[in-house]
Amino acid sequence: QGEWKNLADLGSSSNHSVTPVQQVK
């Protein structure tokens, strides 16, 4: 249908805080 769909999703956990993303590489 021309739609982007997620095929696989896996996250890693961390207690480190991060700064907002300024630009996507």
mmCIF file of all heavy atoms, coordinates in Angstrom:
data_MODEL
# 
_entry.id   MODEL 
# 
loop_
_atom_site.group_PDB 
_atom_site.id 
_atom_site.type_symbol 
_atom_site.label_atom_id 
_atom_site.label_alt_id 
_atom_site.label_comp_id 
_atom_site.label_asym_id 
_atom_site.label_entity_id 
_atom_site.label_seq_id 
_atom_site.pdbx_PDB_ins_code 
_atom_site.Cartn_x 
_atom_site.Cartn_y 
_atom_site.Cartn_z 
_atom_site.occupancy 
_atom_site.B_iso_or_equiv 
_atom_site.pdbx_formal_charge 
_atom_site.auth_seq_id 
_atom_site.auth_comp_id 
_atom_site.auth_asym_id 
_atom_site.auth_atom_id 
_atom_site.pdbx_PDB_model_num 
ATOM 1   N N   . GLN A 1 1  ? 0.814  -1.214 0.000  1.00 0.00 ? 1  GLN A N   1 
ATOM 2   C CA  . GLN A 1 1  ? 0.000  0.000  0.000  1.00 0.00 ? 1  GLN A CA  1 
ATOM 3   C C   . GLN A 1 1  ? 0.853  1.272  0.000  1.00 0.00 ? 1  GLN A C   1 
ATOM 4   O O   . GLN A 1 1  ? 0.326  2.381  0.038  1.00 0.00 ? 1  GLN A O   1 
ATOM 5   C CB  . GLN A 1 1  ? -0.932 0.013  1.227  1.00 0.00 ? 1  GLN A CB  1 
ATOM 6   C CG  . GLN A 1 1  ? -2.065 -1.007 1.180  1.00 0.00 ? 1  GLN A CG  1 
ATOM 7   C CD  . GLN A 1 1  ? -1.567 -2.435 1.373  1.00 0.00 ? 1  GLN A CD  1 
ATOM 8   O OE1 . GLN A 1 1  ? -0.753 -2.692 2.269  1.00 0.00 ? 1  GLN A OE1 1 
ATOM 9   N NE2 . GLN A 1 1  ? -2.063 -3.349 0.562  1.00 0.00 ? 1  GLN A NE2 1 
ATOM 10  N N   . GLY A 1 2  ? 2.182  1.087  -0.043 1.00 0.00 ? 2  GLY A N   1 
ATOM 11  C CA  . GLY A 1 2  ? 3.076  2.239  -0.048 1.00 0.00 ? 2  GLY A CA  1 
ATOM 12  C C   . GLY A 1 2  ? 3.325  2.834  1.319  1.00 0.00 ? 2  GLY A C   1 
ATOM 13  O O   . GLY A 1 2  ? 3.811  3.966  1.426  1.00 0.00 ? 2  GLY A O   1 
ATOM 14  N N   . GLU A 1 3  ? 3.028  2.079  2.388  1.00 0.00 ? 3  GLU A N   1 
ATOM 15  C CA  . GLU A 1 3  ? 3.212  2.563  3.748  1.00 0.00 ? 3  GLU A CA  1 
ATOM 16  C C   . GLU A 1 3  ? 4.475  1.949  4.362  1.00 0.00 ? 3  GLU A C   1 
ATOM 17  O O   . GLU A 1 3  ? 4.751  0.766  4.165  1.00 0.00 ? 3  GLU A O   1 
ATOM 18  C CB  . GLU A 1 3  ? 2.018  2.177  4.628  1.00 0.00 ? 3  GLU A CB  1 
ATOM 19  C CG  . GLU A 1 3  ? 0.673  2.634  4.113  1.00 0.00 ? 3  GLU A CG  1 
ATOM 20  C CD  . GLU A 1 3  ? -0.464 1.934  4.811  1.00 0.00 ? 3  GLU A CD  1 
ATOM 21  O OE1 . GLU A 1 3  ? -0.368 0.715  5.100  1.00 0.00 ? 3  GLU A OE1 1 
ATOM 22  O OE2 . GLU A 1 3  ? -1.474 2.618  5.087  1.00 0.00 ? 3  GLU A OE2 1 
ATOM 23  N N   . TRP A 1 4  ? 5.208  2.760  5.105  1.00 0.00 ? 4  TRP A N   1 
ATOM 24  C CA  . TRP A 1 4  ? 6.332  2.231  5.857  1.00 0.00 ? 4  TRP A CA  1 
ATOM 25  C C   . TRP A 1 4  ? 5.808  1.476  7.073  1.00 0.00 ? 4  TRP A C   1 
ATOM 26  O O   . TRP A 1 4  ? 5.002  1.994  7.839  1.00 0.00 ? 4  TRP A O   1 
ATOM 27  C CB  . TRP A 1 4  ? 7.242  3.364  6.335  1.00 0.00 ? 4  TRP A CB  1 
ATOM 28  C CG  . TRP A 1 4  ? 8.134  3.925  5.279  1.00 0.00 ? 4  TRP A CG  1 
ATOM 29  C CD1 . TRP A 1 4  ? 7.978  5.101  4.612  1.00 0.00 ? 4  TRP A CD1 1 
ATOM 30  C CD2 . TRP A 1 4  ? 9.346  3.344  4.784  1.00 0.00 ? 4  TRP A CD2 1 
ATOM 31  N NE1 . TRP A 1 4  ? 9.011  5.289  3.724  1.00 0.00 ? 4  TRP A NE1 1 
ATOM 32  C CE2 . TRP A 1 4  ? 9.872  4.227  3.814  1.00 0.00 ? 4  TRP A CE2 1 
ATOM 33  C CE3 . TRP A 1 4  ? 10.053 2.173  5.065  1.00 0.00 ? 4  TRP A CE3 1 
ATOM 34  C CZ2 . TRP A 1 4  ? 11.057 3.976  3.123  1.00 0.00 ? 4  TRP A CZ2 1 
ATOM 35  C CZ3 . TRP A 1 4  ? 11.230 1.910  4.384  1.00 0.00 ? 4  TRP A CZ3 1 
ATOM 36  C CH2 . TRP A 1 4  ? 11.718 2.803  3.428  1.00 0.00 ? 4  TRP A CH2 1 
ATOM 37  N N   . LYS A 1 5  ? 6.268  0.235  7.237  1.00 0.00 ? 5  LYS A N   1 
ATOM 38  C CA  . LYS A 1 5  ? 5.874  -0.584 8.383  1.00 0.00 ? 5  LYS A CA  1 
ATOM 39  C C   . LYS A 1 5  ? 7.125  -1.163 9.050  1.00 0.00 ? 5  LYS A C   1 
ATOM 40  O O   . LYS A 1 5  ? 8.101  -1.511 8.380  1.00 0.00 ? 5  LYS A O   1 
ATOM 41  C CB  . LYS A 1 5  ? 4.946  -1.719 7.957  1.00 0.00 ? 5  LYS A CB  1 
ATOM 42  C CG  . LYS A 1 5  ? 3.555  -1.258 7.507  1.00 0.00 ? 5  LYS A CG  1 
ATOM 43  C CD  . LYS A 1 5  ? 2.748  -0.700 8.675  1.00 0.00 ? 5  LYS A CD  1 
ATOM 44  C CE  . LYS A 1 5  ? 1.343  -0.338 8.241  1.00 0.00 ? 5  LYS A CE  1 
ATOM 45  N NZ  . LYS A 1 5  ? 0.532  0.157  9.384  1.00 0.00 ? 5  LYS A NZ  1 
ATOM 46  N N   . ASN A 1 6  ? 7.056  -1.289 10.367 1.00 0.00 ? 6  ASN A N   1 
ATOM 47  C CA  . ASN A 1 6  ? 8.176  -1.776 11.160 1.00 0.00 ? 6  ASN A CA  1 
ATOM 48  C C   . ASN A 1 6  ? 8.229  -3.304 11.114 1.00 0.00 ? 6  ASN A C   1 
ATOM 49  O O   . ASN A 1 6  ? 7.263  -3.976 11.472 1.00 0.00 ? 6  ASN A O   1 
ATOM 50  C CB  . ASN A 1 6  ? 8.005  -1.286 12.606 1.00 0.00 ? 6  ASN A CB  1 
ATOM 51  C CG  . ASN A 1 6  ? 9.238  -1.483 13.448 1.00 0.00 ? 6  ASN A CG  1 
ATOM 52  O OD1 . ASN A 1 6  ? 9.941  -2.481 13.316 1.00 0.00 ? 6  ASN A OD1 1 
ATOM 53  N ND2 . ASN A 1 6  ? 9.493  -0.553 14.354 1.00 0.00 ? 6  ASN A ND2 1 
ATOM 54  N N   . LEU A 1 7  ? 9.367  -3.831 10.664 1.00 0.00 ? 7  LEU A N   1 
ATOM 55  C CA  . LEU A 1 7  ? 9.526  -5.283 10.535 1.00 0.00 ? 7  LEU A CA  1 
ATOM 56  C C   . LEU A 1 7  ? 10.155 -5.940 11.760 1.00 0.00 ? 7  LEU A C   1 
ATOM 57  O O   . LEU A 1 7  ? 9.916  -7.124 12.022 1.00 0.00 ? 7  LEU A O   1 
ATOM 58  C CB  . LEU A 1 7  ? 10.421 -5.598 9.327  1.00 0.00 ? 7  LEU A CB  1 
ATOM 59  C CG  . LEU A 1 7  ? 9.766  -5.670 7.963  1.00 0.00 ? 7  LEU A CG  1 
ATOM 60  C CD1 . LEU A 1 7  ? 10.845 -5.863 6.901  1.00 0.00 ? 7  LEU A CD1 1 
ATOM 61  C CD2 . LEU A 1 7  ? 8.754  -6.802 7.894  1.00 0.00 ? 7  LEU A CD2 1 
ATOM 62  N N   . ALA A 1 8  ? 10.979 -5.202 12.476 1.00 0.00 ? 8  ALA A N   1 
ATOM 63  C CA  . ALA A 1 8  ? 11.652 -5.763 13.652 1.00 0.00 ? 8  ALA A CA  1 
ATOM 64  C C   . ALA A 1 8  ? 12.037 -4.625 14.573 1.00 0.00 ? 8  ALA A C   1 
ATOM 65  O O   . ALA A 1 8  ? 12.497 -3.572 14.120 1.00 0.00 ? 8  ALA A O   1 
ATOM 66  C CB  . ALA A 1 8  ? 12.893 -6.560 13.252 1.00 0.00 ? 8  ALA A CB  1 
ATOM 67  N N   . ASP A 1 9  ? 11.852 -4.839 15.885 1.00 0.00 ? 9  ASP A N   1 
ATOM 68  C CA  . ASP A 1 9  ? 12.096 -3.781 16.851 1.00 0.00 ? 9  ASP A CA  1 
ATOM 69  C C   . ASP A 1 9  ? 12.744 -4.364 18.097 1.00 0.00 ? 9  ASP A C   1 
ATOM 70  O O   . ASP A 1 9  ? 12.169 -5.226 18.747 1.00 0.00 ? 9  ASP A O   1 
ATOM 71  C CB  . ASP A 1 9  ? 10.777 -3.087 17.208 1.00 0.00 ? 9  ASP A CB  1 
ATOM 72  C CG  . ASP A 1 9  ? 10.983 -1.851 18.055 1.00 0.00 ? 9  ASP A CG  1 
ATOM 73  O OD1 . ASP A 1 9  ? 11.076 -1.996 19.288 1.00 0.00 ? 9  ASP A OD1 1 
ATOM 74  O OD2 . ASP A 1 9  ? 11.058 -0.746 17.500 1.00 0.00 ? 9  ASP A OD2 1 
ATOM 75  N N   . LEU A 1 10 ? 13.954 -3.908 18.408 1.00 0.00 ? 10 LEU A N   1 
ATOM 76  C CA  . LEU A 1 10 ? 14.668 -4.396 19.587 1.00 0.00 ? 10 LEU A CA  1 
ATOM 77  C C   . LEU A 1 10 ? 15.398 -3.233 20.247 1.00 0.00 ? 10 LEU A C   1 
ATOM 78  O O   . LEU A 1 10 ? 16.142 -2.511 19.594 1.00 0.00 ? 10 LEU A O   1 
ATOM 79  C CB  . LEU A 1 10 ? 15.681 -5.479 19.198 1.00 0.00 ? 10 LEU A CB  1 
ATOM 80  C CG  . LEU A 1 10 ? 16.521 -6.075 20.337 1.00 0.00 ? 10 LEU A CG  1 
ATOM 81  C CD1 . LEU A 1 10 ? 15.638 -6.792 21.357 1.00 0.00 ? 10 LEU A CD1 1 
ATOM 82  C CD2 . LEU A 1 10 ? 17.556 -7.039 19.768 1.00 0.00 ? 10 LEU A CD2 1 
ATOM 83  N N   . GLY A 1 11 ? 15.175 -3.051 21.554 1.00 0.00 ? 11 GLY A N   1 
ATOM 84  C CA  . GLY A 1 11 ? 15.808 -1.961 22.283 1.00 0.00 ? 11 GLY A CA  1 
ATOM 85  C C   . GLY A 1 11 ? 16.828 -2.453 23.280 1.00 0.00 ? 11 GLY A C   1 
ATOM 86  O O   . GLY A 1 11 ? 16.752 -3.583 23.773 1.00 0.00 ? 11 GLY A O   1 
ATOM 87  N N   . SER A 1 12 ? 17.804 -1.606 23.576 1.00 0.00 ? 12 SER A N   1 
ATOM 88  C CA  . SER A 1 12 ? 18.766 -1.873 24.641 1.00 0.00 ? 12 SER A CA  1 
ATOM 89  C C   . SER A 1 12 ? 18.545 -0.835 25.733 1.00 0.00 ? 12 SER A C   1 
ATOM 90  O O   . SER A 1 12 ? 18.245 0.322  25.448 1.00 0.00 ? 12 SER A O   1 
ATOM 91  C CB  . SER A 1 12 ? 20.207 -1.801 24.112 1.00 0.00 ? 12 SER A CB  1 
ATOM 92  O OG  . SER A 1 12 ? 20.473 -0.527 23.559 1.00 0.00 ? 12 SER A OG  1 
ATOM 93  N N   . SER A 1 13 ? 18.673 -1.238 26.993 1.00 0.00 ? 13 SER A N   1 
ATOM 94  C CA  . SER A 1 13 ? 18.394 -0.342 28.113 1.00 0.00 ? 13 SER A CA  1 
ATOM 95  C C   . SER A 1 13 ? 19.670 0.269  28.660 1.00 0.00 ? 13 SER A C   1 
ATOM 96  O O   . SER A 1 13 ? 20.752 -0.318 28.586 1.00 0.00 ? 13 SER A O   1 
ATOM 97  C CB  . SER A 1 13 ? 17.664 -1.101 29.221 1.00 0.00 ? 13 SER A CB  1 
ATOM 98  O OG  . SER A 1 13 ? 18.465 -2.175 29.691 1.00 0.00 ? 13 SER A OG  1 
ATOM 99  N N   . SER A 1 14 ? 19.528 1.481  29.234 1.00 0.00 ? 14 SER A N   1 
ATOM 100 C CA  . SER A 1 14 ? 20.672 2.186  29.805 1.00 0.00 ? 14 SER A CA  1 
ATOM 101 C C   . SER A 1 14 ? 20.172 3.240  30.778 1.00 0.00 ? 14 SER A C   1 
ATOM 102 O O   . SER A 1 14 ? 19.076 3.781  30.608 1.00 0.00 ? 14 SER A O   1 
ATOM 103 C CB  . SER A 1 14 ? 21.503 2.850  28.702 1.00 0.00 ? 14 SER A CB  1 
ATOM 104 O OG  . SER A 1 14 ? 22.456 3.738  29.235 1.00 0.00 ? 14 SER A OG  1 
ATOM 105 N N   . ASN A 1 15 ? 20.953 3.557  31.800 1.00 0.00 ? 15 ASN A N   1 
ATOM 106 C CA  . ASN A 1 15 ? 20.612 4.616  32.742 1.00 0.00 ? 15 ASN A CA  1 
ATOM 107 C C   . ASN A 1 15 ? 21.221 5.956  32.353 1.00 0.00 ? 15 ASN A C   1 
ATOM 108 O O   . ASN A 1 15 ? 21.020 6.959  33.029 1.00 0.00 ? 15 ASN A O   1 
ATOM 109 C CB  . ASN A 1 15 ? 21.084 4.236  34.152 1.00 0.00 ? 15 ASN A CB  1 
ATOM 110 C CG  . ASN A 1 15 ? 20.311 3.072  34.726 1.00 0.00 ? 15 ASN A CG  1 
ATOM 111 O OD1 . ASN A 1 15 ? 19.109 2.946  34.501 1.00 0.00 ? 15 ASN A OD1 1 
ATOM 112 N ND2 . ASN A 1 15 ? 20.995 2.206  35.466 1.00 0.00 ? 15 ASN A ND2 1 
ATOM 113 N N   . HIS A 1 16 ? 21.965 5.972  31.256 1.00 0.00 ? 16 HIS A N   1 
ATOM 114 C CA  . HIS A 1 16 ? 22.617 7.209  30.821 1.00 0.00 ? 16 HIS A CA  1 
ATOM 115 C C   . HIS A 1 16 ? 21.603 8.157  30.180 1.00 0.00 ? 16 HIS A C   1 
ATOM 116 O O   . HIS A 1 16 ? 20.848 7.769  29.288 1.00 0.00 ? 16 HIS A O   1 
ATOM 117 C CB  . HIS A 1 16 ? 23.722 6.898  29.809 1.00 0.00 ? 16 HIS A CB  1 
ATOM 118 C CG  . HIS A 1 16 ? 24.842 6.082  30.373 1.00 0.00 ? 16 HIS A CG  1 
ATOM 119 N ND1 . HIS A 1 16 ? 25.863 6.635  31.108 1.00 0.00 ? 16 HIS A ND1 1 
ATOM 120 C CD2 . HIS A 1 16 ? 25.100 4.751  30.317 1.00 0.00 ? 16 HIS A CD2 1 
ATOM 121 C CE1 . HIS A 1 16 ? 26.712 5.687  31.479 1.00 0.00 ? 16 HIS A CE1 1 
ATOM 122 N NE2 . HIS A 1 16 ? 26.270 4.535  31.010 1.00 0.00 ? 16 HIS A NE2 1 
ATOM 123 N N   . SER A 1 17 ? 21.599 9.411  30.638 1.00 0.00 ? 17 SER A N   1 
ATOM 124 C CA  . SER A 1 17 ? 20.753 10.413 29.995 1.00 0.00 ? 17 SER A CA  1 
ATOM 125 C C   . SER A 1 17 ? 21.417 10.858 28.696 1.00 0.00 ? 17 SER A C   1 
ATOM 126 O O   . SER A 1 17 ? 22.641 10.791 28.551 1.00 0.00 ? 17 SER A O   1 
ATOM 127 C CB  . SER A 1 17 ? 20.547 11.614 30.919 1.00 0.00 ? 17 SER A CB  1 
ATOM 128 O OG  . SER A 1 17 ? 21.784 12.206 31.248 1.00 0.00 ? 17 SER A OG  1 
ATOM 129 N N   . VAL A 1 18 ? 20.599 11.299 27.752 1.00 0.00 ? 18 VAL A N   1 
ATOM 130 C CA  . VAL A 1 18 ? 21.127 11.714 26.455 1.00 0.00 ? 18 VAL A CA  1 
ATOM 131 C C   . VAL A 1 18 ? 20.616 13.103 26.113 1.00 0.00 ? 18 VAL A C   1 
ATOM 132 O O   . VAL A 1 18 ? 19.574 13.538 26.599 1.00 0.00 ? 18 VAL A O   1 
ATOM 133 C CB  . VAL A 1 18 ? 20.722 10.718 25.344 1.00 0.00 ? 18 VAL A CB  1 
ATOM 134 C CG1 . VAL A 1 18 ? 21.337 9.365  25.593 1.00 0.00 ? 18 VAL A CG1 1 
ATOM 135 C CG2 . VAL A 1 18 ? 19.206 10.599 25.243 1.00 0.00 ? 18 VAL A CG2 1 
ATOM 136 N N   . THR A 1 19 ? 21.354 13.807 25.278 1.00 0.00 ? 19 THR A N   1 
ATOM 137 C CA  . THR A 1 19 ? 20.926 15.120 24.806 1.00 0.00 ? 19 THR A CA  1 
ATOM 138 C C   . THR A 1 19 ? 20.020 14.937 23.586 1.00 0.00 ? 19 THR A C   1 
ATOM 139 O O   . THR A 1 19 ? 20.123 13.933 22.866 1.00 0.00 ? 19 THR A O   1 
ATOM 140 C CB  . THR A 1 19 ? 22.137 15.980 24.423 1.00 0.00 ? 19 THR A CB  1 
ATOM 141 O OG1 . THR A 1 19 ? 22.905 15.280 23.429 1.00 0.00 ? 19 THR A OG1 1 
ATOM 142 C CG2 . THR A 1 19 ? 23.012 16.241 25.639 1.00 0.00 ? 19 THR A CG2 1 
ATOM 143 N N   . PRO A 1 20 ? 19.114 15.885 23.341 1.00 0.00 ? 20 PRO A N   1 
ATOM 144 C CA  . PRO A 1 20 ? 18.231 15.774 22.165 1.00 0.00 ? 20 PRO A CA  1 
ATOM 145 C C   . PRO A 1 20 ? 19.037 15.667 20.869 1.00 0.00 ? 20 PRO A C   1 
ATOM 146 O O   . PRO A 1 20 ? 20.115 16.243 20.742 1.00 0.00 ? 20 PRO A O   1 
ATOM 147 C CB  . PRO A 1 20 ? 17.425 17.077 22.211 1.00 0.00 ? 20 PRO A CB  1 
ATOM 148 C CG  . PRO A 1 20 ? 17.456 17.493 23.647 1.00 0.00 ? 20 PRO A CG  1 
ATOM 149 C CD  . PRO A 1 20 ? 18.804 17.078 24.154 1.00 0.00 ? 20 PRO A CD  1 
ATOM 150 N N   . VAL A 1 21 ? 18.508 14.904 19.931 1.00 0.00 ? 21 VAL A N   1 
ATOM 151 C CA  . VAL A 1 21 ? 19.165 14.722 18.641 1.00 0.00 ? 21 VAL A CA  1 
ATOM 152 C C   . VAL A 1 21 ? 19.107 16.035 17.848 1.00 0.00 ? 21 VAL A C   1 
ATOM 153 O O   . VAL A 1 21 ? 18.028 16.588 17.638 1.00 0.00 ? 21 VAL A O   1 
ATOM 154 C CB  . VAL A 1 21 ? 18.495 13.589 17.839 1.00 0.00 ? 21 VAL A CB  1 
ATOM 155 C CG1 . VAL A 1 21 ? 19.122 13.483 16.454 1.00 0.00 ? 21 VAL A CG1 1 
ATOM 156 C CG2 . VAL A 1 21 ? 18.598 12.274 18.594 1.00 0.00 ? 21 VAL A CG2 1 
ATOM 157 N N   . GLN A 1 22 ? 20.251 16.517 17.419 1.00 0.00 ? 22 GLN A N   1 
ATOM 158 C CA  . GLN A 1 22 ? 20.311 17.758 16.649 1.00 0.00 ? 22 GLN A CA  1 
ATOM 159 C C   . GLN A 1 22 ? 20.120 17.506 15.155 1.00 0.00 ? 22 GLN A C   1 
ATOM 160 O O   . GLN A 1 22 ? 19.481 18.289 14.452 1.00 0.00 ? 22 GLN A O   1 
ATOM 161 C CB  . GLN A 1 22 ? 21.654 18.457 16.887 1.00 0.00 ? 22 GLN A CB  1 
ATOM 162 C CG  . GLN A 1 22 ? 21.901 18.851 18.333 1.00 0.00 ? 22 GLN A CG  1 
ATOM 163 C CD  . GLN A 1 22 ? 20.863 19.801 18.877 1.00 0.00 ? 22 GLN A CD  1 
ATOM 164 O OE1 . GLN A 1 22 ? 20.490 20.777 18.222 1.00 0.00 ? 22 GLN A OE1 1 
ATOM 165 N NE2 . GLN A 1 22 ? 20.373 19.514 20.079 1.00 0.00 ? 22 GLN A NE2 1 
ATOM 166 N N   . GLN A 1 23 ? 20.671 16.388 14.681 1.00 0.00 ? 23 GLN A N   1 
ATOM 167 C CA  . GLN A 1 23 ? 20.558 16.054 13.261 1.00 0.00 ? 23 GLN A CA  1 
ATOM 168 C C   . GLN A 1 23 ? 20.693 14.558 13.084 1.00 0.00 ? 23 GLN A C   1 
ATOM 169 O O   . GLN A 1 23 ? 21.552 13.925 13.714 1.00 0.00 ? 23 GLN A O   1 
ATOM 170 C CB  . GLN A 1 23 ? 21.635 16.773 12.451 1.00 0.00 ? 23 GLN A CB  1 
ATOM 171 C CG  . GLN A 1 23 ? 21.549 16.541 10.954 1.00 0.00 ? 23 GLN A CG  1 
ATOM 172 C CD  . GLN A 1 23 ? 22.585 17.349 10.189 1.00 0.00 ? 23 GLN A CD  1 
ATOM 173 O OE1 . GLN A 1 23 ? 23.410 18.040 10.783 1.00 0.00 ? 23 GLN A OE1 1 
ATOM 174 N NE2 . GLN A 1 23 ? 22.544 17.272 8.870  1.00 0.00 ? 23 GLN A NE2 1 
ATOM 175 N N   . VAL A 1 24 ? 19.847 13.982 12.255 1.00 0.00 ? 24 VAL A N   1 
ATOM 176 C CA  . VAL A 1 24 ? 19.895 12.551 11.994 1.00 0.00 ? 24 VAL A CA  1 
ATOM 177 C C   . VAL A 1 24 ? 21.031 12.253 11.022 1.00 0.00 ? 24 VAL A C   1 
ATOM 178 O O   . VAL A 1 24 ? 21.121 12.858 9.946  1.00 0.00 ? 24 VAL A O   1 
ATOM 179 C CB  . VAL A 1 24 ? 18.564 12.042 11.403 1.00 0.00 ? 24 VAL A CB  1 
ATOM 180 C CG1 . VAL A 1 24 ? 18.630 10.537 11.163 1.00 0.00 ? 24 VAL A CG1 1 
ATOM 181 C CG2 . VAL A 1 24 ? 17.400 12.370 12.338 1.00 0.00 ? 24 VAL A CG2 1 
ATOM 182 N N   . LYS A 1 25 ? 21.908 11.348 11.407 1.00 0.00 ? 25 LYS A N   1 
ATOM 183 C CA  . LYS A 1 25 ? 22.965 10.904 10.503 1.00 0.00 ? 25 LYS A CA  1 
ATOM 184 C C   . LYS A 1 25 ? 22.356 9.950  9.482  1.00 0.00 ? 25 LYS A C   1 
ATOM 185 O O   . LYS A 1 25 ? 21.639 9.018  9.852  1.00 0.00 ? 25 LYS A O   1 
ATOM 186 C CB  . LYS A 1 25 ? 24.081 10.219 11.289 1.00 0.00 ? 25 LYS A CB  1 
ATOM 187 C CG  . LYS A 1 25 ? 24.788 11.143 12.271 1.00 0.00 ? 25 LYS A CG  1 
ATOM 188 C CD  . LYS A 1 25 ? 25.872 10.412 13.047 1.00 0.00 ? 25 LYS A CD  1 
ATOM 189 C CE  . LYS A 1 25 ? 26.545 11.344 14.046 1.00 0.00 ? 25 LYS A CE  1 
ATOM 190 N NZ  . LYS A 1 25 ? 27.584 10.640 14.833 1.00 0.00 ? 25 LYS A NZ  1 
# 
